[in-house]
Amino acid sequence: MNAIRWCTCFALLCTVLLMAGCIAARVPVVLIMEETAFEKRKSPAEMPVFHGVRTASLSAVGDILLHSTVYNAAKTSAGYDFGPMFEKVKPYMERADITTANSESIIGGSAIGLSTYPSFNSPFEIGDALKNVGVDVVAMANNHTLDRGQQAIENAIHHWDGIGMKRTGSYLSAEEREQLTTLSANDISFSFLSYTYGTNGIPTPAGKEYLVNRIDKELIKADLARAKEQCDVVVLNFHFGDEYQPLPNEFQLELAHFAAENGADIILGHHPHVLQPPAWIDTADGRRAFVIYSLGNFLSGQNEIQRQIGTILTIEVEKTIGPESSQITIKNPAFTNTFVKNKNYSWFEIDLLKNVHPDLNEEVKTHLSRWISDLAFHE
């Protein structure tokens, strides 16, 4: 009996010790799980915040203005194919994080009838080609926006939206106009605005001012204020200036400075159809804005040599993030000069200017460097 009692006591003791060991083994696990759960429940204010420098790049090209010679050259049995026209410059357009273009001839589509100067309407397929070569956002406010009326504008907007292209300067409603056009790259947010000096004497339909943004200082000032509240960088497209003039006029100079003082960081000019030089604008609040007064034609049927020259602007944006604030710096503007070649108007191709007219390319570099002596050229 003593032996039996001893065995029973020993078994009970082992059981107790085993249970104690299991409990002891589980305690750290429970504590670790609780700690992990606590870490996940930290408030956003307690989480680590990035401090340092972010960078993003923006590219811009000028007027996409499709005369009948251009869209006829792109015609195929199935529609229109503009892809080959961009093939040689596509690698230069895709290098930046965000690329923008001026869609000057409205893409109302073939169903309502294509048309050329002075009242333009272009095929949808040019929009598809721009998307394919890296364009992310198009400016729609220009002197040809109302050429074919409200139907062409609505067709164009629906097509841009359908292919996922951002757009600015023309809208389907007043409510839509109040929504900023925005894109982000590497945690840097950009907003895009677009305005035109006029629409070739064609009035905007009554009560439908949202169809095209016109240059109005109070409107621009209010839009810039909203954009600065919501985004790091404001890119503003102005359709202004005198056609075929190599230098900006007083109106362009004054308006660009007005926009910069009210918050614009990068100002892109269109309409002269020839290149006008860039400049820095130092503002009263200590910022430095960049303007190019005209990016020239990027693709058009104009055959005068200065109107066949365009360029691809690339510029960097640097965001320095500190413990309590961030600072935006616009830096390192660079250009890749282009030329629209054609063969008896039956074939069009955009090539690098240096490949077509190397001597003229050097003249264009000098022209663009008129106010910024240390411009870079990527070729």
Protein backbone atom coordinates (compact mmCIF):
# COMPACT_ATOMS: atom_id res chain seq x y z
CA MET A 1 0.00 0.00 0.00
CA ASN A 2 2.84 2.35 0.75
CA ALA A 3 4.27 1.65 -2.66
CA ILE A 4 0.91 2.29 -4.29
CA ARG A 5 0.51 5.58 -2.41
CA TRP A 6 4.03 6.62 -3.37
CA CYS A 7 3.39 5.92 -7.08
CA THR A 8 0.09 7.77 -6.96
CA CYS A 9 1.68 10.81 -5.32
CA PHE A 10 4.56 10.75 -7.78
CA ALA A 11 2.13 10.67 -10.75
CA LEU A 12 0.13 13.57 -9.31
CA LEU A 13 3.31 15.56 -8.75
CA CYS A 14 4.44 15.00 -12.35
CA THR A 15 1.05 16.10 -13.64
CA VAL A 16 1.18 19.30 -11.61
CA LEU A 17 4.71 20.04 -12.73
CA LEU A 18 3.84 19.35 -16.38
CA MET A 19 0.84 21.66 -16.22
CA ALA A 20 2.90 24.37 -14.57
CA GLY A 21 5.55 24.01 -17.26
CA CYS A 22 2.95 24.35 -20.03
CA ILE A 23 1.47 27.41 -18.43
CA ALA A 24 4.92 28.90 -18.00
CA ALA A 25 5.73 28.15 -21.64
CA ARG A 26 2.55 29.84 -22.80
CA VAL A 27 2.94 33.05 -20.84
CA PRO A 28 5.64 34.62 -23.02
CA VAL A 29 3.67 33.75 -26.15
CA VAL A 30 0.61 35.52 -24.81
CA LEU A 31 2.70 38.54 -23.87
CA ILE A 32 4.28 38.71 -27.31
CA MET A 33 0.92 38.50 -29.05
CA GLU A 34 -0.46 41.25 -26.84
CA GLU A 35 2.56 43.47 -27.61
CA THR A 36 2.18 42.90 -31.34
CA ALA A 37 -1.49 43.77 -31.18
CA PHE A 38 -0.60 46.92 -29.25
CA GLU A 39 1.87 47.95 -31.96
CA LYS A 40 -0.83 47.59 -34.60
CA ARG A 41 -3.17 49.78 -32.61
CA LYS A 42 -0.80 52.75 -32.53
CA SER A 43 -2.38 55.99 -33.74
CA PRO A 44 -1.10 57.61 -36.98
CA ALA A 45 0.53 60.36 -34.92
CA GLU A 46 2.71 57.74 -33.18
CA MET A 47 3.83 55.96 -36.36
CA PRO A 48 7.20 56.82 -37.98
CA VAL A 49 7.02 59.72 -40.48
CA PHE A 50 9.24 60.01 -43.55
CA HIS A 51 11.71 62.89 -43.37
CA GLY A 52 13.96 63.51 -46.34
CA VAL A 53 13.79 64.24 -50.06
CA ARG A 54 11.40 62.94 -52.70
CA THR A 55 11.83 63.64 -56.42
CA ALA A 56 9.54 63.39 -59.45
CA SER A 57 9.85 64.47 -63.07
CA LEU A 58 7.42 66.12 -65.49
CA SER A 59 7.62 66.21 -69.28
CA ALA A 60 5.59 68.45 -71.59
CA VAL A 61 5.12 68.78 -75.33
CA GLY A 62 3.37 71.44 -77.35
CA ASP A 63 0.55 71.58 -79.84
CA ILE A 64 -1.10 68.45 -81.24
CA LEU A 65 -2.90 70.15 -84.14
CA LEU A 66 -4.12 67.74 -86.78
CA HIS A 67 -4.55 69.26 -90.21
CA SER A 68 -6.21 67.02 -92.80
CA THR A 69 -2.80 66.18 -94.26
CA VAL A 70 -1.82 64.59 -90.95
CA TYR A 71 -4.92 62.51 -90.32
CA ASN A 72 -5.16 61.48 -93.98
CA ALA A 73 -1.59 60.21 -93.76
CA ALA A 74 -2.59 58.10 -90.76
CA LYS A 75 -5.64 56.56 -92.43
CA THR A 76 -5.85 52.77 -92.61
CA SER A 77 -8.52 50.33 -93.75
CA ALA A 78 -9.64 50.02 -90.12
CA GLY A 79 -9.48 53.69 -89.09
CA TYR A 80 -6.40 55.77 -88.22
CA ASP A 81 -2.99 54.79 -86.88
CA PHE A 82 -0.80 57.65 -85.60
CA GLY A 83 1.61 55.38 -83.73
CA PRO A 84 4.39 55.35 -86.36
CA MET A 85 4.53 59.15 -86.30
CA PHE A 86 5.70 59.07 -82.66
CA GLU A 87 7.98 56.04 -82.83
CA LYS A 88 11.31 57.89 -82.79
CA VAL A 89 10.42 60.20 -79.91
CA LYS A 90 8.48 57.74 -77.77
CA PRO A 91 11.51 56.83 -75.62
CA TYR A 92 12.04 60.51 -74.78
CA MET A 93 8.36 61.02 -73.90
CA GLU A 94 8.25 58.03 -71.56
CA ARG A 95 11.24 58.97 -69.39
CA ALA A 96 9.38 61.28 -67.00
CA ASP A 97 7.00 60.23 -64.23
CA ILE A 98 4.23 62.40 -65.72
CA THR A 99 3.87 63.69 -69.30
CA THR A 100 1.45 66.34 -70.55
CA ALA A 101 0.47 67.60 -74.03
CA ASN A 102 -1.70 70.32 -75.56
CA SER A 103 -4.60 68.70 -77.42
CA GLU A 104 -5.30 71.65 -79.68
CA SER A 105 -7.59 70.13 -82.27
CA ILE A 106 -10.61 68.70 -80.50
CA ILE A 107 -10.92 64.91 -80.84
CA GLY A 108 -14.64 64.77 -81.57
CA GLY A 109 -14.23 61.59 -83.60
CA SER A 110 -14.97 60.53 -87.15
CA ALA A 111 -18.71 60.00 -86.65
CA ILE A 112 -19.43 63.74 -86.67
CA GLY A 113 -17.09 64.37 -89.60
CA LEU A 114 -13.39 65.16 -89.47
CA SER A 115 -12.33 68.69 -90.36
CA THR A 116 -9.23 70.82 -90.70
CA TYR A 117 -8.30 74.53 -90.57
CA PRO A 118 -9.98 76.78 -89.61
CA SER A 119 -12.48 74.56 -87.76
CA PHE A 120 -10.78 71.42 -86.51
CA ASN A 121 -12.11 68.01 -85.54
CA SER A 122 -9.75 65.06 -85.17
CA PRO A 123 -10.06 61.26 -84.92
CA PHE A 124 -10.26 59.54 -81.54
CA GLU A 125 -7.21 57.50 -82.54
CA ILE A 126 -4.81 60.40 -81.94
CA GLY A 127 -5.83 60.19 -78.28
CA ASP A 128 -5.02 56.49 -78.25
CA ALA A 129 -1.60 57.19 -79.78
CA LEU A 130 -0.80 59.85 -77.18
CA LYS A 131 -1.75 57.45 -74.41
CA ASN A 132 0.49 54.79 -75.94
CA VAL A 133 3.56 57.05 -76.02
CA GLY A 134 3.29 57.99 -72.37
CA VAL A 135 1.08 61.09 -72.20
CA ASP A 136 -0.83 61.18 -68.90
CA VAL A 137 -2.77 64.45 -69.07
CA VAL A 138 -3.94 66.79 -71.85
CA ALA A 139 -4.79 70.49 -71.82
CA MET A 140 -8.06 71.18 -73.67
CA ALA A 141 -8.53 74.94 -73.32
CA ASN A 142 -7.43 76.63 -76.55
CA ASN A 143 -8.74 78.78 -79.39
CA HIS A 144 -10.11 75.70 -81.20
CA THR A 145 -12.01 74.13 -78.29
CA LEU A 146 -15.40 75.35 -79.56
CA ASP A 147 -14.68 74.80 -83.27
CA ARG A 148 -17.24 72.01 -83.62
CA GLY A 149 -19.51 72.88 -80.75
CA GLN A 150 -20.63 71.13 -77.60
CA GLN A 151 -21.05 67.70 -79.23
CA ALA A 152 -17.37 67.51 -80.23
CA ILE A 153 -16.29 68.55 -76.72
CA GLU A 154 -18.49 65.91 -75.09
CA ASN A 155 -17.27 63.24 -77.52
CA ALA A 156 -13.67 64.16 -76.80
CA ILE A 157 -14.13 64.14 -73.04
CA HIS A 158 -15.87 60.77 -73.10
CA HIS A 159 -13.04 59.31 -75.16
CA TRP A 160 -10.32 60.75 -72.93
CA ASP A 161 -12.11 59.40 -69.88
CA GLY A 162 -12.63 56.04 -71.55
CA ILE A 163 -8.90 55.51 -72.13
CA GLY A 164 -7.94 56.76 -68.69
CA MET A 165 -6.39 60.05 -69.82
CA LYS A 166 -6.51 62.96 -67.38
CA ARG A 167 -7.69 66.27 -68.87
CA THR A 168 -8.03 69.88 -67.85
CA GLY A 169 -9.54 73.10 -69.20
CA SER A 170 -12.83 71.69 -70.55
CA TYR A 171 -15.59 69.95 -68.61
CA LEU A 172 -19.02 68.34 -68.82
CA SER A 173 -20.60 70.42 -66.04
CA ALA A 174 -20.00 73.24 -63.60
CA GLU A 175 -19.71 70.67 -60.80
CA GLU A 176 -17.03 68.76 -62.67
CA ARG A 177 -15.08 71.95 -63.25
CA GLU A 178 -14.74 72.37 -59.49
CA GLN A 179 -12.93 69.04 -59.25
CA LEU A 180 -9.18 69.48 -59.65
CA THR A 181 -7.27 67.40 -62.18
CA THR A 182 -4.55 65.71 -60.14
CA LEU A 183 -1.81 63.11 -60.48
CA SER A 184 0.85 61.88 -58.06
CA ALA A 185 4.35 60.52 -58.52
CA ASN A 186 6.65 59.35 -55.70
CA ASP A 187 4.43 60.93 -53.04
CA ILE A 188 4.47 64.31 -54.82
CA SER A 189 1.03 65.52 -55.89
CA PHE A 190 0.45 67.63 -59.02
CA SER A 191 -2.61 69.60 -60.09
CA PHE A 192 -3.19 70.72 -63.69
CA LEU A 193 -5.01 73.85 -64.86
CA SER A 194 -5.63 75.15 -68.39
CA TYR A 195 -6.93 78.47 -69.82
CA THR A 196 -7.21 80.14 -73.24
CA TYR A 197 -7.19 83.77 -74.37
CA GLY A 198 -10.21 83.12 -76.63
CA THR A 199 -12.02 80.79 -79.02
CA ASN A 200 -11.70 82.48 -82.43
CA GLY A 201 -14.79 84.58 -81.87
CA ILE A 202 -17.06 81.60 -81.14
CA PRO A 203 -19.09 82.38 -77.99
CA THR A 204 -19.50 79.85 -75.22
CA PRO A 205 -23.12 78.64 -75.05
CA ALA A 206 -25.03 80.60 -72.42
CA GLY A 207 -24.76 79.07 -68.96
CA LYS A 208 -22.13 76.56 -70.09
CA GLU A 209 -18.92 78.41 -69.29
CA TYR A 210 -17.52 75.11 -67.99
CA LEU A 211 -17.04 73.96 -71.59
CA VAL A 212 -13.81 75.95 -71.84
CA ASN A 213 -11.71 77.87 -69.31
CA ARG A 214 -10.95 81.40 -70.46
CA ILE A 215 -8.16 83.58 -69.11
CA ASP A 216 -9.76 85.51 -66.27
CA LYS A 217 -7.50 86.65 -63.45
CA GLU A 218 -10.07 86.27 -60.69
CA LEU A 219 -10.94 82.76 -61.87
CA ILE A 220 -7.27 81.81 -62.17
CA LYS A 221 -6.46 83.23 -58.73
CA ALA A 222 -9.29 81.25 -57.12
CA ASP A 223 -8.32 78.04 -58.92
CA LEU A 224 -4.68 78.44 -57.92
CA ALA A 225 -5.66 78.91 -54.29
CA ARG A 226 -7.67 75.67 -54.33
CA ALA A 227 -4.90 73.81 -56.11
CA LYS A 228 -2.22 74.96 -53.66
CA GLU A 229 -4.34 73.80 -50.74
CA GLN A 230 -4.66 70.30 -52.15
CA CYS A 231 -1.43 69.59 -54.05
CA ASP A 232 2.32 70.07 -53.81
CA VAL A 233 2.85 71.36 -57.36
CA VAL A 234 0.59 73.38 -59.66
CA VAL A 235 1.11 73.03 -63.42
CA LEU A 236 -0.70 75.74 -65.40
CA ASN A 237 -1.24 75.74 -69.19
CA PHE A 238 -1.79 79.10 -70.88
CA HIS A 239 -2.95 79.34 -74.48
CA PHE A 240 -1.70 82.83 -75.27
CA GLY A 241 0.70 84.99 -77.28
CA ASP A 242 1.17 86.07 -80.89
CA GLU A 243 1.33 83.39 -83.54
CA TYR A 244 4.73 82.72 -85.15
CA GLN A 245 6.58 85.21 -82.93
CA PRO A 246 9.83 83.93 -81.36
CA LEU A 247 9.51 85.98 -78.15
CA PRO A 248 6.63 86.48 -75.71
CA ASN A 249 4.62 89.69 -75.73
CA GLU A 250 3.90 91.92 -72.74
CA PHE A 251 0.60 90.17 -72.01
CA GLN A 252 2.35 86.80 -71.74
CA LEU A 253 5.06 88.18 -69.47
CA GLU A 254 2.61 89.92 -67.15
CA LEU A 255 0.21 86.96 -66.98
CA ALA A 256 2.96 84.44 -66.26
CA HIS A 257 4.24 86.58 -63.39
CA PHE A 258 0.69 86.99 -62.06
CA ALA A 259 0.19 83.21 -62.10
CA ALA A 260 3.54 82.55 -60.42
CA GLU A 261 2.85 85.08 -57.66
CA ASN A 262 -0.49 83.39 -57.00
CA GLY A 263 0.90 79.90 -56.69
CA ALA A 264 1.70 78.41 -60.12
CA ASP A 265 4.94 76.41 -60.05
CA ILE A 266 5.30 75.35 -63.70
CA ILE A 267 3.71 77.40 -66.50
CA LEU A 268 3.44 75.88 -69.99
CA GLY A 269 2.66 78.16 -72.94
CA HIS A 270 0.95 77.24 -76.20
CA HIS A 271 -0.49 78.94 -79.31
CA PRO A 272 2.41 80.74 -81.10
CA HIS A 273 3.25 77.46 -82.96
CA VAL A 274 6.96 78.29 -82.66
CA LEU A 275 9.34 77.95 -79.75
CA GLN A 276 9.62 80.79 -77.27
CA PRO A 277 12.29 80.64 -74.53
CA PRO A 278 11.83 79.60 -70.90
CA ALA A 279 12.58 81.69 -67.82
CA TRP A 280 12.66 81.52 -64.03
CA ILE A 281 10.25 83.72 -62.07
CA ASP A 282 11.26 84.58 -58.49
CA THR A 283 8.17 85.30 -56.43
CA ALA A 284 7.61 87.58 -53.45
CA ASP A 285 7.12 84.59 -51.12
CA GLY A 286 10.54 83.19 -51.96
CA ARG A 287 9.53 80.50 -54.46
CA ARG A 288 11.05 80.04 -57.91
CA ALA A 289 8.56 79.20 -60.66
CA PHE A 290 9.40 78.02 -64.17
CA VAL A 291 7.75 79.19 -67.39
CA ILE A 292 8.21 78.29 -71.03
CA TYR A 293 6.26 80.81 -73.06
CA SER A 294 5.67 78.50 -76.03
CA LEU A 295 6.46 74.83 -76.57
CA GLY A 296 5.81 75.14 -80.31
CA ASN A 297 4.17 72.53 -82.50
CA PHE A 298 4.77 68.91 -81.60
CA LEU A 299 2.64 67.41 -84.40
CA SER A 300 0.90 69.46 -87.06
CA GLY A 301 0.56 69.87 -90.80
CA GLN A 302 2.20 73.30 -90.87
CA ASN A 303 5.14 73.14 -93.27
CA GLU A 304 7.15 76.29 -92.53
CA ILE A 305 10.42 75.19 -90.94
CA GLN A 306 10.08 77.12 -87.66
CA ARG A 307 6.57 75.69 -87.25
CA GLN A 308 7.88 72.16 -87.70
CA ILE A 309 10.17 72.54 -84.68
CA GLY A 310 8.99 71.48 -81.26
CA THR A 311 10.58 70.27 -78.06
CA ILE A 312 10.12 67.88 -75.16
CA LEU A 313 10.57 69.69 -71.86
CA THR A 314 11.64 67.63 -68.86
CA ILE A 315 11.84 69.22 -65.43
CA GLU A 316 12.43 67.87 -61.94
CA VAL A 317 10.45 68.51 -58.78
CA GLU A 318 12.12 68.03 -55.41
CA LYS A 319 10.09 67.79 -52.19
CA THR A 320 12.06 68.23 -48.98
CA ILE A 321 10.05 66.91 -46.03
CA GLY A 322 10.88 68.10 -42.52
CA PRO A 323 9.36 67.42 -39.09
CA GLU A 324 6.77 70.19 -39.40
CA SER A 325 6.68 71.29 -43.06
CA SER A 326 7.79 70.51 -46.60
CA GLN A 327 9.35 72.57 -49.36
CA ILE A 328 9.04 72.24 -53.15
CA THR A 329 11.94 73.07 -55.47
CA ILE A 330 11.62 73.16 -59.27
CA LYS A 331 14.97 72.34 -60.86
CA ASN A 332 16.99 71.07 -63.81
CA PRO A 333 14.88 71.99 -66.86
CA ALA A 334 16.09 70.17 -69.97
CA PHE A 335 14.96 69.99 -73.59
CA THR A 336 14.95 67.49 -76.43
CA ASN A 337 14.28 69.38 -79.66
CA THR A 338 12.08 67.76 -82.29
CA PHE A 339 11.10 68.19 -85.93
CA VAL A 340 8.00 67.11 -87.86
CA LYS A 341 9.10 65.55 -91.15
CA ASN A 342 6.74 64.87 -94.02
CA LYS A 343 7.01 63.53 -97.52
CA ASN A 344 4.71 65.44 -99.85
CA TYR A 345 2.19 65.50 -96.99
CA SER A 346 1.55 61.77 -97.48
CA TRP A 347 3.75 60.64 -94.59
CA PHE A 348 4.58 62.31 -91.26
CA GLU A 349 7.14 61.51 -88.58
CA ILE A 350 8.45 63.31 -85.49
CA ASP A 351 12.22 62.98 -85.25
CA LEU A 352 14.93 64.62 -83.16
CA LEU A 353 15.91 67.97 -84.65
CA LYS A 354 19.59 67.07 -84.42
CA ASN A 355 18.98 64.14 -86.78
CA VAL A 356 17.31 66.31 -89.41
CA HIS A 357 18.95 69.76 -89.13
CA PRO A 358 21.99 69.60 -86.80
CA ASP A 359 23.03 73.22 -87.47
CA LEU A 360 19.50 74.47 -86.86
CA ASN A 361 19.40 72.46 -83.64
CA GLU A 362 22.34 74.47 -82.32
CA GLU A 363 20.53 77.71 -83.20
CA VAL A 364 17.43 76.51 -81.35
CA LYS A 365 19.51 75.65 -78.28
CA THR A 366 20.88 79.20 -78.27
CA HIS A 367 17.37 80.60 -78.67
CA LEU A 368 15.98 78.54 -75.78
CA SER A 369 18.92 79.52 -73.58
CA ARG A 370 18.24 83.23 -73.98
CA TRP A 371 17.20 83.73 -70.31
CA ILE A 372 18.53 80.52 -68.73
CA SER A 373 22.16 80.10 -69.71
CA ASP A 374 22.71 76.70 -68.10
CA LEU A 375 19.88 74.80 -69.79
CA ALA A 376 20.50 71.11 -70.42
CA PHE A 377 19.66 69.30 -73.65
CA HIS A 378 18.95 65.57 -73.69
CA GLU A 379 19.50 64.04 -77.13
